[in-house]
Amino acid sequence: MKNTKTNSDGFIWAYSAPAFALSIPTIPAFIYLPTLYAETLGLAIVGFTLLAARIFDVISDPLIGALSDNCNTRWGQRKPWIVIGAVIAGVSMMQLFSPPSNVSAVHLLIWSIAL
């Protein structure tokens, strides 16, 4: 059976707004960070390190999702997780875009995982 219900443009924009907010800081990170770190570490190490961080996400994302599903606070179910995540993401972006002069793959891995 075909669903004939259509959503308004406002509903579609509201539904997609969180993805837009998330993409503002992360798209520049995905574009510029490999080049920034490849100058020092080499492209293969940077690629492997970022792959390792994404593999870690495969494990951690469902765990954090399950924790947030089962966490009820006086501020709501998701808001504490969003606030904590925003703080961690901000610190991670600062660390990733201003690496020390003796940067290592470990620095990139830790802060990529945190992001």
PDB file of N, CA and C in Angstrom:
ATOM      1  N   MET A   1       0.843  -1.162   0.000  1.00  0.00           N
ATOM      2  CA  MET A   1       0.000   0.000   0.000  1.00  0.00           C
ATOM      3  C   MET A   1       0.894   1.233   0.000  1.00  0.00           C
ATOM      4  N   LYS A   2       0.579   2.180  -0.795  1.00  0.00           N
ATOM      5  CA  LYS A   2       1.364   3.398  -0.925  1.00  0.00           C
ATOM      6  C   LYS A   2       0.895   4.447   0.080  1.00  0.00           C
ATOM      7  N   ASN A   3       1.868   5.049   0.784  1.00  0.00           N
ATOM      8  CA  ASN A   3       1.559   6.106   1.740  1.00  0.00           C
ATOM      9  C   ASN A   3       1.446   7.426   0.984  1.00  0.00           C
ATOM     10  N   THR A   4       0.307   8.048   1.044  1.00  0.00           N
ATOM     11  CA  THR A   4       0.086   9.295   0.306  1.00  0.00           C
ATOM     12  C   THR A   4       0.249  10.541   1.173  1.00  0.00           C
ATOM     13  N   LYS A   5       0.557  10.373   2.443  1.00  0.00           N
ATOM     14  CA  LYS A   5       0.717  11.521   3.326  1.00  0.00           C
ATOM     15  C   LYS A   5       2.035  12.224   3.009  1.00  0.00           C
ATOM     16  N   THR A   6       2.019  13.537   2.874  1.00  0.00           N
ATOM     17  CA  THR A   6       3.233  14.309   2.639  1.00  0.00           C
ATOM     18  C   THR A   6       3.465  15.228   3.827  1.00  0.00           C
ATOM     19  N   ASN A   7       4.719  15.507   4.065  1.00  0.00           N
ATOM     20  CA  ASN A   7       5.089  16.400   5.161  1.00  0.00           C
ATOM     21  C   ASN A   7       5.301  17.804   4.626  1.00  0.00           C
ATOM     22  N   SER A   8       5.014  18.776   5.439  1.00  0.00           N
ATOM     23  CA  SER A   8       5.197  20.167   5.036  1.00  0.00           C
ATOM     24  C   SER A   8       6.689  20.494   4.954  1.00  0.00           C
ATOM     25  N   ASP A   9       7.001  21.544   4.234  1.00  0.00           N
ATOM     26  CA  ASP A   9       8.395  21.972   4.129  1.00  0.00           C
ATOM     27  C   ASP A   9       8.956  22.353   5.495  1.00  0.00           C
ATOM     28  N   GLY A  10       8.147  22.987   6.318  1.00  0.00           N
ATOM     29  CA  GLY A  10       8.597  23.363   7.655  1.00  0.00           C
ATOM     30  C   GLY A  10       8.952  22.155   8.503  1.00  0.00           C
ATOM     31  N   PHE A  11       8.156  21.107   8.398  1.00  0.00           N
ATOM     32  CA  PHE A  11       8.441  19.883   9.144  1.00  0.00           C
ATOM     33  C   PHE A  11       9.751  19.268   8.680  1.00  0.00           C
ATOM     34  N   ILE A  12       9.972  19.246   7.387  1.00  0.00           N
ATOM     35  CA  ILE A  12      11.201  18.657   6.847  1.00  0.00           C
ATOM     36  C   ILE A  12      12.415  19.469   7.283  1.00  0.00           C
ATOM     37  N   TRP A  13      12.327  20.806   7.244  1.00  0.00           N
ATOM     38  CA  TRP A  13      13.432  21.640   7.706  1.00  0.00           C
ATOM     39  C   TRP A  13      13.695  21.439   9.195  1.00  0.00           C
ATOM     40  N   ALA A  14      12.661  21.358   9.996  1.00  0.00           N
ATOM     41  CA  ALA A  14      12.821  21.150  11.438  1.00  0.00           C
ATOM     42  C   ALA A  14      13.439  19.784  11.726  1.00  0.00           C
ATOM     43  N   TYR A  15      13.030  18.792  10.959  1.00  0.00           N
ATOM     44  CA  TYR A  15      13.564  17.443  11.151  1.00  0.00           C
ATOM     45  C   TYR A  15      15.052  17.373  10.798  1.00  0.00           C
ATOM     46  N   SER A  16      15.472  18.123   9.785  1.00  0.00           N
ATOM     47  CA  SER A  16      16.861  18.061   9.337  1.00  0.00           C
ATOM     48  C   SER A  16      17.773  19.057  10.044  1.00  0.00           C
ATOM     49  N   ALA A  17      17.258  19.967  10.828  1.00  0.00           N
ATOM     50  CA  ALA A  17      18.060  21.001  11.484  1.00  0.00           C
ATOM     51  C   ALA A  17      19.181  20.445  12.360  1.00  0.00           C
ATOM     52  N   PRO A  18      18.959  19.406  13.165  1.00  0.00           N
ATOM     53  CA  PRO A  18      20.078  18.892  13.963  1.00  0.00           C
ATOM     54  C   PRO A  18      21.240  18.380  13.109  1.00  0.00           C
ATOM     55  N   ALA A  19      20.960  17.794  11.966  1.00  0.00           N
ATOM     56  CA  ALA A  19      22.033  17.327  11.092  1.00  0.00           C
ATOM     57  C   ALA A  19      22.841  18.501  10.553  1.00  0.00           C
ATOM     58  N   PHE A  20      22.170  19.610  10.267  1.00  0.00           N
ATOM     59  CA  PHE A  20      22.861  20.811   9.793  1.00  0.00           C
ATOM     60  C   PHE A  20      23.782  21.347  10.888  1.00  0.00           C
ATOM     61  N   ALA A  21      23.287  21.419  12.103  1.00  0.00           N
ATOM     62  CA  ALA A  21      24.096  21.909  13.219  1.00  0.00           C
ATOM     63  C   ALA A  21      25.300  21.011  13.469  1.00  0.00           C
ATOM     64  N   LEU A  22      25.143  19.721  13.294  1.00  0.00           N
ATOM     65  CA  LEU A  22      26.251  18.789  13.488  1.00  0.00           C
ATOM     66  C   LEU A  22      27.276  18.907  12.371  1.00  0.00           C
ATOM     67  N   SER A  23      26.830  19.184  11.160  1.00  0.00           N
ATOM     68  CA  SER A  23      27.754  19.224  10.026  1.00  0.00           C
ATOM     69  C   SER A  23      28.618  20.478  10.002  1.00  0.00           C
ATOM     70  N   ILE A  24      28.195  21.544  10.640  1.00  0.00           N
ATOM     71  CA  ILE A  24      28.974  22.789  10.621  1.00  0.00           C
ATOM     72  C   ILE A  24      30.387  22.573  11.168  1.00  0.00           C
ATOM     73  N   PRO A  25      30.575  21.956  12.333  1.00  0.00           N
ATOM     74  CA  PRO A  25      31.950  21.757  12.788  1.00  0.00           C
ATOM     75  C   PRO A  25      32.620  20.506  12.216  1.00  0.00           C
ATOM     76  N   THR A  26      31.863  19.486  11.872  1.00  0.00           N
ATOM     77  CA  THR A  26      32.505  18.221  11.499  1.00  0.00           C
ATOM     78  C   THR A  26      32.956  18.163  10.046  1.00  0.00           C
ATOM     79  N   ILE A  27      32.264  18.806   9.132  1.00  0.00           N
ATOM     80  CA  ILE A  27      32.706  18.764   7.735  1.00  0.00           C
ATOM     81  C   ILE A  27      34.076  19.414   7.567  1.00  0.00           C
ATOM     82  N   PRO A  28      34.342  20.593   8.138  1.00  0.00           N
ATOM     83  CA  PRO A  28      35.717  21.114   8.037  1.00  0.00           C
ATOM     84  C   PRO A  28      36.750  20.174   8.677  1.00  0.00           C
ATOM     85  N   ALA A  29      36.354  19.517   9.757  1.00  0.00           N
ATOM     86  CA  ALA A  29      37.294  18.584  10.386  1.00  0.00           C
ATOM     87  C   ALA A  29      37.624  17.436   9.447  1.00  0.00           C
ATOM     88  N   PHE A  30      36.633  16.880   8.788  1.00  0.00           N
ATOM     89  CA  PHE A  30      36.870  15.759   7.884  1.00  0.00           C
ATOM     90  C   PHE A  30      37.649  16.177   6.645  1.00  0.00           C
ATOM     91  N   ILE A  31      37.545  17.440   6.253  1.00  0.00           N
ATOM     92  CA  ILE A  31      38.230  17.912   5.050  1.00  0.00           C
ATOM     93  C   ILE A  31      39.666  18.347   5.364  1.00  0.00           C
ATOM     94  N   TYR A  32      39.858  19.127   6.420  1.00  0.00           N
ATOM     95  CA  TYR A  32      41.162  19.727   6.678  1.00  0.00           C
ATOM     96  C   TYR A  32      42.075  18.910   7.585  1.00  0.00           C
ATOM     97  N   LEU A  33      41.522  18.144   8.495  1.00  0.00           N
ATOM     98  CA  LEU A  33      42.387  17.417   9.436  1.00  0.00           C
ATOM     99  C   LEU A  33      43.318  16.411   8.776  1.00  0.00           C
ATOM    100  N   PRO A  34      42.860  15.596   7.838  1.00  0.00           N
ATOM    101  CA  PRO A  34      43.812  14.656   7.222  1.00  0.00           C
ATOM    102  C   PRO A  34      45.012  15.359   6.582  1.00  0.00           C
ATOM    103  N   THR A  35      44.776  16.485   5.921  1.00  0.00           N
ATOM    104  CA  THR A  35      45.876  17.226   5.309  1.00  0.00           C
ATOM    105  C   THR A  35      46.808  17.801   6.366  1.00  0.00           C
ATOM    106  N   LEU A  36      46.230  18.361   7.421  1.00  0.00           N
ATOM    107  CA  LEU A  36      47.027  18.951   8.493  1.00  0.00           C
ATOM    108  C   LEU A  36      47.948  17.918   9.133  1.00  0.00           C
ATOM    109  N   TYR A  37      47.420  16.745   9.443  1.00  0.00           N
ATOM    110  CA  TYR A  37      48.205  15.725  10.113  1.00  0.00           C
ATOM    111  C   TYR A  37      49.085  14.923   9.154  1.00  0.00           C
ATOM    112  N   ALA A  38      48.711  14.825   7.885  1.00  0.00           N
ATOM    113  CA  ALA A  38      49.506  14.062   6.921  1.00  0.00           C
ATOM    114  C   ALA A  38      50.863  14.710   6.667  1.00  0.00           C
ATOM    115  N   GLU A  39      50.944  16.020   6.833  1.00  0.00           N
ATOM    116  CA  GLU A  39      52.226  16.707   6.641  1.00  0.00           C
ATOM    117  C   GLU A  39      53.273  16.212   7.633  1.00  0.00           C
ATOM    118  N   THR A  40      52.847  15.833   8.816  1.00  0.00           N
ATOM    119  CA  THR A  40      53.772  15.383   9.853  1.00  0.00           C
ATOM    120  C   THR A  40      53.826  13.859   9.968  1.00  0.00           C
ATOM    121  N   LEU A  41      52.659  13.218   9.943  1.00  0.00           N
ATOM    122  CA  LEU A  41      52.593  11.784  10.222  1.00  0.00           C
ATOM    123  C   LEU A  41      52.628  10.910   8.984  1.00  0.00           C
ATOM    124  N   GLY A  42      52.239  11.436   7.863  1.00  0.00           N
ATOM    125  CA  GLY A  42      52.112  10.635   6.652  1.00  0.00           C
ATOM    126  C   GLY A  42      50.660  10.241   6.441  1.00  0.00           C
ATOM    127  N   LEU A  43      50.274  10.180   5.184  1.00  0.00           N
ATOM    128  CA  LEU A  43      48.874   9.950   4.845  1.00  0.00           C
ATOM    129  C   LEU A  43      48.376   8.576   5.277  1.00  0.00           C
ATOM    130  N   ALA A  44      49.199   7.548   5.154  1.00  0.00           N
ATOM    131  CA  ALA A  44      48.769   6.190   5.517  1.00  0.00           C
ATOM    132  C   ALA A  44      48.479   6.087   7.016  1.00  0.00           C
ATOM    133  N   ILE A  45      49.323   6.663   7.833  1.00  0.00           N
ATOM    134  CA  ILE A  45      49.112   6.604   9.291  1.00  0.00           C
ATOM    135  C   ILE A  45      47.873   7.402   9.669  1.00  0.00           C
ATOM    136  N   VAL A  46      47.681   8.553   9.050  1.00  0.00           N
ATOM    137  CA  VAL A  46      46.494   9.360   9.335  1.00  0.00           C
ATOM    138  C   VAL A  46      45.239   8.602   8.937  1.00  0.00           C
ATOM    139  N   GLY A  47      45.244   7.998   7.771  1.00  0.00           N
ATOM    140  CA  GLY A  47      44.083   7.224   7.327  1.00  0.00           C
ATOM    141  C   GLY A  47      43.774   6.067   8.243  1.00  0.00           C
ATOM    142  N   PHE A  48      44.801   5.321   8.646  1.00  0.00           N
ATOM    143  CA  PHE A  48      44.588   4.198   9.558  1.00  0.00           C
ATOM    144  C   PHE A  48      44.090   4.677  10.916  1.00  0.00           C
ATOM    145  N   THR A  49      44.642   5.770  11.398  1.00  0.00           N
ATOM    146  CA  THR A  49      44.234   6.309  12.703  1.00  0.00           C
ATOM    147  C   THR A  49      42.773   6.753  12.681  1.00  0.00           C
ATOM    148  N   LEU A  50      42.367   7.448  11.625  1.00  0.00           N
ATOM    149  CA  LEU A  50      40.973   7.879  11.532  1.00  0.00           C
ATOM    150  C   LEU A  50      40.033   6.690  11.345  1.00  0.00           C
ATOM    151  N   LEU A  51      40.488   5.662  10.639  1.00  0.00           N
ATOM    152  CA  LEU A  51      39.692   4.440  10.514  1.00  0.00           C
ATOM    153  C   LEU A  51      39.522   3.775  11.875  1.00  0.00           C
ATOM    154  N   ALA A  52      40.582   3.721  12.655  1.00  0.00           N
ATOM    155  CA  ALA A  52      40.500   3.129  13.997  1.00  0.00           C
ATOM    156  C   ALA A  52      39.519   3.895  14.876  1.00  0.00           C
ATOM    157  N   ALA A  53      39.505   5.221  14.748  1.00  0.00           N
ATOM    158  CA  ALA A  53      38.558   6.025  15.526  1.00  0.00           C
ATOM    159  C   ALA A  53      37.125   5.721  15.113  1.00  0.00           C
ATOM    160  N   ARG A  54      36.869   5.545  13.824  1.00  0.00           N
ATOM    161  CA  ARG A  54      35.513   5.214  13.359  1.00  0.00           C
ATOM    162  C   ARG A  54      35.114   3.807  13.787  1.00  0.00           C
ATOM    163  N   ILE A  55      36.057   2.885  13.830  1.00  0.00           N
ATOM    164  CA  ILE A  55      35.751   1.533  14.321  1.00  0.00           C
ATOM    165  C   ILE A  55      35.374   1.591  15.799  1.00  0.00           C
ATOM    166  N   PHE A  56      36.065   2.438  16.554  1.00  0.00           N
ATOM    167  CA  PHE A  56      35.700   2.626  17.961  1.00  0.00           C
ATOM    168  C   PHE A  56      34.279   3.160  18.077  1.00  0.00           C
ATOM    169  N   ASP A  57      33.884   4.046  17.149  1.00  0.00           N
ATOM    170  CA  ASP A  57      32.517   4.591  17.143  1.00  0.00           C
ATOM    171  C   ASP A  57      31.469   3.496  16.960  1.00  0.00           C
ATOM    172  N   VAL A  58      31.799   2.488  16.188  1.00  0.00           N
ATOM    173  CA  VAL A  58      30.854   1.385  15.961  1.00  0.00           C
ATOM    174  C   VAL A  58      30.493   0.712  17.282  1.00  0.00           C
ATOM    175  N   ILE A  59      31.439   0.678  18.193  1.00  0.00           N
ATOM    176  CA  ILE A  59      31.207   0.062  19.503  1.00  0.00           C
ATOM    177  C   ILE A  59      30.596   1.065  20.480  1.00  0.00           C
ATOM    178  N   SER A  60      31.148   2.270  20.526  1.00  0.00           N
ATOM    179  CA  SER A  60      30.733   3.228  21.559  1.00  0.00           C
ATOM    180  C   SER A  60      29.370   3.868  21.290  1.00  0.00           C
ATOM    181  N   ASP A  61      29.024   4.109  20.039  1.00  0.00           N
ATOM    182  CA  ASP A  61      27.752   4.787  19.746  1.00  0.00           C
ATOM    183  C   ASP A  61      26.533   4.011  20.249  1.00  0.00           C
ATOM    184  N   PRO A  62      26.432   2.703  19.990  1.00  0.00           N
ATOM    185  CA  PRO A  62      25.277   1.972  20.547  1.00  0.00           C
ATOM    186  C   PRO A  62      25.285   1.925  22.076  1.00  0.00           C
ATOM    187  N   LEU A  63      26.472   1.864  22.677  1.00  0.00           N
ATOM    188  CA  LEU A  63      26.533   1.850  24.144  1.00  0.00           C
ATOM    189  C   LEU A  63      26.038   3.168  24.732  1.00  0.00           C
ATOM    190  N   ILE A  64      26.479   4.271  24.159  1.00  0.00           N
ATOM    191  CA  ILE A  64      26.025   5.573  24.651  1.00  0.00           C
ATOM    192  C   ILE A  64      24.542   5.752  24.369  1.00  0.00           C
ATOM    193  N   GLY A  65      24.075   5.245  23.233  1.00  0.00           N
ATOM    194  CA  GLY A  65      22.643   5.290  22.939  1.00  0.00           C
ATOM    195  C   GLY A  65      21.833   4.525  23.961  1.00  0.00           C
ATOM    196  N   ALA A  66      22.316   3.341  24.345  1.00  0.00           N
ATOM    197  CA  ALA A  66      21.611   2.545  25.349  1.00  0.00           C
ATOM    198  C   ALA A  66      21.628   3.239  26.706  1.00  0.00           C
ATOM    199  N   LEU A  67      22.768   3.844  27.052  1.00  0.00           N
ATOM    200  CA  LEU A  67      22.833   4.575  28.323  1.00  0.00           C
ATOM    201  C   LEU A  67      21.856   5.750  28.327  1.00  0.00           C
ATOM    202  N   SER A  68      21.791   6.483  27.235  1.00  0.00           N
ATOM    203  CA  SER A  68      20.884   7.632  27.211  1.00  0.00           C
ATOM    204  C   SER A  68      19.420   7.196  27.184  1.00  0.00           C
ATOM    205  N   ASP A  69      19.148   6.029  26.611  1.00  0.00           N
ATOM    206  CA  ASP A  69      17.778   5.510  26.631  1.00  0.00           C
ATOM    207  C   ASP A  69      17.315   5.179  28.046  1.00  0.00           C
ATOM    208  N   ASN A  70      18.251   4.767  28.888  1.00  0.00           N
ATOM    209  CA  ASN A  70      17.902   4.314  30.235  1.00  0.00           C
ATOM    210  C   ASN A  70      18.227   5.338  31.308  1.00  0.00           C
ATOM    211  N   CYS A  71      18.518   6.556  30.918  1.00  0.00           N
ATOM    212  CA  CYS A  71      18.895   7.594  31.876  1.00  0.00           C
ATOM    213  C   CYS A  71      17.795   8.650  31.932  1.00  0.00           C
ATOM    214  N   ASN A  72      17.139   8.745  33.037  1.00  0.00           N
ATOM    215  CA  ASN A  72      16.118   9.779  33.227  1.00  0.00           C
ATOM    216  C   ASN A  72      16.582  10.732  34.316  1.00  0.00           C
ATOM    217  N   THR A  73      16.672  12.009  33.975  1.00  0.00           N
ATOM    218  CA  THR A  73      17.078  13.018  34.939  1.00  0.00           C
ATOM    219  C   THR A  73      15.986  14.070  35.017  1.00  0.00           C
ATOM    220  N   ARG A  74      16.143  14.991  35.918  1.00  0.00           N
ATOM    221  CA  ARG A  74      15.135  16.050  36.031  1.00  0.00           C
ATOM    222  C   ARG A  74      15.192  17.008  34.848  1.00  0.00           C
ATOM    223  N   TRP A  75      16.278  16.960  34.054  1.00  0.00           N
ATOM    224  CA  TRP A  75      16.389  17.800  32.861  1.00  0.00           C
ATOM    225  C   TRP A  75      15.917  17.075  31.609  1.00  0.00           C
ATOM    226  N   GLY A  76      15.550  15.824  31.746  1.00  0.00           N
ATOM    227  CA  GLY A  76      15.099  15.048  30.602  1.00  0.00           C
ATOM    228  C   GLY A  76      16.021  13.883  30.317  1.00  0.00           C
ATOM    229  N   GLN A  77      15.651  13.135  29.322  1.00  0.00           N
ATOM    230  CA  GLN A  77      16.386  11.911  29.011  1.00  0.00           C
ATOM    231  C   GLN A  77      17.654  12.188  28.209  1.00  0.00           C
ATOM    232  N   ARG A  78      17.640  13.123  27.301  1.00  0.00           N
ATOM    233  CA  ARG A  78      18.758  13.340  26.387  1.00  0.00           C
ATOM    234  C   ARG A  78      19.582  14.605  26.677  1.00  0.00           C
ATOM    235  N   LYS A  79      19.003  15.601  27.305  1.00  0.00           N
ATOM    236  CA  LYS A  79      19.678  16.890  27.461  1.00  0.00           C
ATOM    237  C   LYS A  79      21.026  16.796  28.176  1.00  0.00           C
ATOM    238  N   PRO A  80      21.167  16.045  29.259  1.00  0.00           N
ATOM    239  CA  PRO A  80      22.497  15.947  29.878  1.00  0.00           C
ATOM    240  C   PRO A  80      23.541  15.366  28.926  1.00  0.00           C
ATOM    241  N   TRP A  81      23.146  14.401  28.135  1.00  0.00           N
ATOM    242  CA  TRP A  81      24.067  13.784  27.184  1.00  0.00           C
ATOM    243  C   TRP A  81      24.468  14.782  26.103  1.00  0.00           C
ATOM    244  N   ILE A  82      23.541  15.601  25.670  1.00  0.00           N
ATOM    245  CA  ILE A  82      23.835  16.599  24.646  1.00  0.00           C
ATOM    246  C   ILE A  82      24.811  17.644  25.186  1.00  0.00           C
ATOM    247  N   VAL A  83      24.581  18.101  26.412  1.00  0.00           N
ATOM    248  CA  VAL A  83      25.465  19.105  27.013  1.00  0.00           C
ATOM    249  C   VAL A  83      26.864  18.539  27.213  1.00  0.00           C
ATOM    250  N   ILE A  84      26.957  17.351  27.771  1.00  0.00           N
ATOM    251  CA  ILE A  84      28.265  16.719  27.986  1.00  0.00           C
ATOM    252  C   ILE A  84      28.964  16.490  26.651  1.00  0.00           C
ATOM    253  N   GLY A  85      28.222  16.010  25.664  1.00  0.00           N
ATOM    254  CA  GLY A  85      28.795  15.770  24.347  1.00  0.00           C
ATOM    255  C   GLY A  85      29.282  17.042  23.678  1.00  0.00           C
ATOM    256  N   ALA A  86      28.548  18.132  23.860  1.00  0.00           N
ATOM    257  CA  ALA A  86      28.950  19.409  23.260  1.00  0.00           C
ATOM    258  C   ALA A  86      30.260  19.910  23.867  1.00  0.00           C
ATOM    259  N   VAL A  87      30.399  19.777  25.172  1.00  0.00           N
ATOM    260  CA  VAL A  87      31.633  20.205  25.836  1.00  0.00           C
ATOM    261  C   VAL A  87      32.816  19.354  25.363  1.00  0.00           C
ATOM    262  N   ILE A  88      32.628  18.047  25.334  1.00  0.00           N
ATOM    263  CA  ILE A  88      33.696  17.151  24.879  1.00  0.00           C
ATOM    264  C   ILE A  88      34.047  17.437  23.416  1.00  0.00           C
ATOM    265  N   ALA A  89      33.051  17.663  22.583  1.00  0.00           N
ATOM    266  CA  ALA A  89      33.295  17.947  21.168  1.00  0.00           C
ATOM    267  C   ALA A  89      34.057  19.259  20.996  1.00  0.00           C
ATOM    268  N   GLY A  90      33.713  20.277  21.777  1.00  0.00           N
ATOM    269  CA  GLY A  90      34.415  21.550  21.683  1.00  0.00           C
ATOM    270  C   GLY A  90      35.885  21.435  22.054  1.00  0.00           C
ATOM    271  N   VAL A  91      36.153  20.758  23.161  1.00  0.00           N
ATOM    272  CA  VAL A  91      37.540  20.554  23.592  1.00  0.00           C
ATOM    273  C   VAL A  91      38.288  19.707  22.560  1.00  0.00           C
ATOM    274  N   SER A  92      37.636  18.697  22.029  1.00  0.00           N
ATOM    275  CA  SER A  92      38.270  17.820  21.036  1.00  0.00           C
ATOM    276  C   SER A  92      38.631  18.586  19.775  1.00  0.00           C
ATOM    277  N   MET A  93      37.725  19.430  19.302  1.00  0.00           N
ATOM    278  CA  MET A  93      38.013  20.224  18.102  1.00  0.00           C
ATOM    279  C   MET A  93      39.200  21.160  18.339  1.00  0.00           C
ATOM    280  N   MET A  94      39.260  21.771  19.506  1.00  0.00           N
ATOM    281  CA  MET A  94      40.390  22.648  19.816  1.00  0.00           C
ATOM    282  C   MET A  94      41.696  21.858  19.802  1.00  0.00           C
ATOM    283  N   GLN A  95      41.687  20.686  20.399  1.00  0.00           N
ATOM    284  CA  GLN A  95      42.893  19.865  20.444  1.00  0.00           C
ATOM    285  C   GLN A  95      43.301  19.371  19.054  1.00  0.00           C
ATOM    286  N   LEU A  96      42.323  19.016  18.240  1.00  0.00           N
ATOM    287  CA  LEU A  96      42.631  18.508  16.910  1.00  0.00           C
ATOM    288  C   LEU A  96      43.160  19.593  15.977  1.00  0.00           C
ATOM    289  N   PHE A  97      42.621  20.809  16.074  1.00  0.00           N
ATOM    290  CA  PHE A  97      43.033  21.867  15.162  1.00  0.00           C
ATOM    291  C   PHE A  97      44.223  22.683  15.666  1.00  0.00           C
ATOM    292  N   SER A  98      44.690  22.422  16.862  1.00  0.00           N
ATOM    293  CA  SER A  98      45.915  23.073  17.348  1.00  0.00           C
ATOM    294  C   SER A  98      46.816  22.014  17.976  1.00  0.00           C
ATOM    295  N   PRO A  99      47.357  21.124  17.139  1.00  0.00           N
ATOM    296  CA  PRO A  99      48.189  20.046  17.670  1.00  0.00           C
ATOM    297  C   PRO A  99      49.534  20.570  18.160  1.00  0.00           C
ATOM    298  N   PRO A 100      50.161  19.838  19.078  1.00  0.00           N
ATOM    299  CA  PRO A 100      51.500  20.238  19.519  1.00  0.00           C
ATOM    300  C   PRO A 100      52.507  20.052  18.386  1.00  0.00           C
ATOM    301  N   SER A 101      53.661  20.658  18.514  1.00  0.00           N
ATOM    302  CA  SER A 101      54.669  20.564  17.451  1.00  0.00           C
ATOM    303  C   SER A 101      55.182  19.141  17.263  1.00  0.00           C
ATOM    304  N   ASN A 102      55.181  18.354  18.310  1.00  0.00           N
ATOM    305  CA  ASN A 102      55.622  16.960  18.216  1.00  0.00           C
ATOM    306  C   ASN A 102      54.407  16.020  18.202  1.00  0.00           C
ATOM    307  N   VAL A 103      53.458  16.292  17.336  1.00  0.00           N
ATOM    308  CA  VAL A 103      52.205  15.545  17.296  1.00  0.00           C
ATOM    309  C   VAL A 103      52.470  14.085  16.927  1.00  0.00           C
ATOM    310  N   SER A 104      51.634  13.223  17.500  1.00  0.00           N
ATOM    311  CA  SER A 104      51.751  11.788  17.210  1.00  0.00           C
ATOM    312  C   SER A 104      50.392  11.246  16.780  1.00  0.00           C
ATOM    313  N   ALA A 105      50.419  10.022  16.276  1.00  0.00           N
ATOM    314  CA  ALA A 105      49.177   9.365  15.885  1.00  0.00           C
ATOM    315  C   ALA A 105      48.291   9.127  17.101  1.00  0.00           C
ATOM    316  N   VAL A 106      48.892   8.971  18.271  1.00  0.00           N
ATOM    317  CA  VAL A 106      48.114   8.771  19.499  1.00  0.00           C
ATOM    318  C   VAL A 106      47.285  10.008  19.805  1.00  0.00           C
ATOM    319  N   HIS A 107      47.860  11.186  19.631  1.00  0.00           N
ATOM    320  CA  HIS A 107      47.120  12.440  19.835  1.00  0.00           C
ATOM    321  C   HIS A 107      45.917  12.491  18.901  1.00  0.00           C
ATOM    322  N   LEU A 108      46.149  12.199  17.629  1.00  0.00           N
ATOM    323  CA  LEU A 108      45.069  12.207  16.647  1.00  0.00           C
ATOM    324  C   LEU A 108      44.006  11.176  16.984  1.00  0.00           C
ATOM    325  N   LEU A 109      44.414   9.983  17.392  1.00  0.00           N
ATOM    326  CA  LEU A 109      43.457   8.925  17.722  1.00  0.00           C
ATOM    327  C   LEU A 109      42.607   9.283  18.935  1.00  0.00           C
ATOM    328  N   ILE A 110      43.230   9.727  19.996  1.00  0.00           N
ATOM    329  CA  ILE A 110      42.497  10.037  21.237  1.00  0.00           C
ATOM    330  C   ILE A 110      41.469  11.142  20.989  1.00  0.00           C
ATOM    331  N   TRP A 111      41.893  12.233  20.340  1.00  0.00           N
ATOM    332  CA  TRP A 111      40.972  13.355  20.168  1.00  0.00           C
ATOM    333  C   TRP A 111      39.945  13.093  19.071  1.00  0.00           C
ATOM    334  N   SER A 112      40.278  12.225  18.109  1.00  0.00           N
ATOM    335  CA  SER A 112      39.271  11.824  17.115  1.00  0.00           C
ATOM    336  C   SER A 112      38.206  10.960  17.751  1.00  0.00           C
ATOM    337  N   ILE A 113      38.617  10.071  18.626  1.00  0.00           N
ATOM    338  CA  ILE A 113      37.651   9.246  19.360  1.00  0.00           C
ATOM    339  C   ILE A 113      36.768  10.127  20.234  1.00  0.00           C
ATOM    340  N   ALA A 114      37.381  11.085  20.921  1.00  0.00           N
ATOM    341  CA  ALA A 114      36.605  11.988  21.783  1.00  0.00           C
ATOM    342  C   ALA A 114      35.609  12.804  20.964  1.00  0.00           C
ATOM    343  N   LEU A 115      36.014  13.222  19.772  1.00  0.00           N
ATOM    344  CA  LEU A 115      35.105  13.996  18.927  1.00  0.00           C
ATOM    345  C   LEU A 115      33.950  13.144  18.454  1.00  0.00           C
TER     346      LEU A 115
END
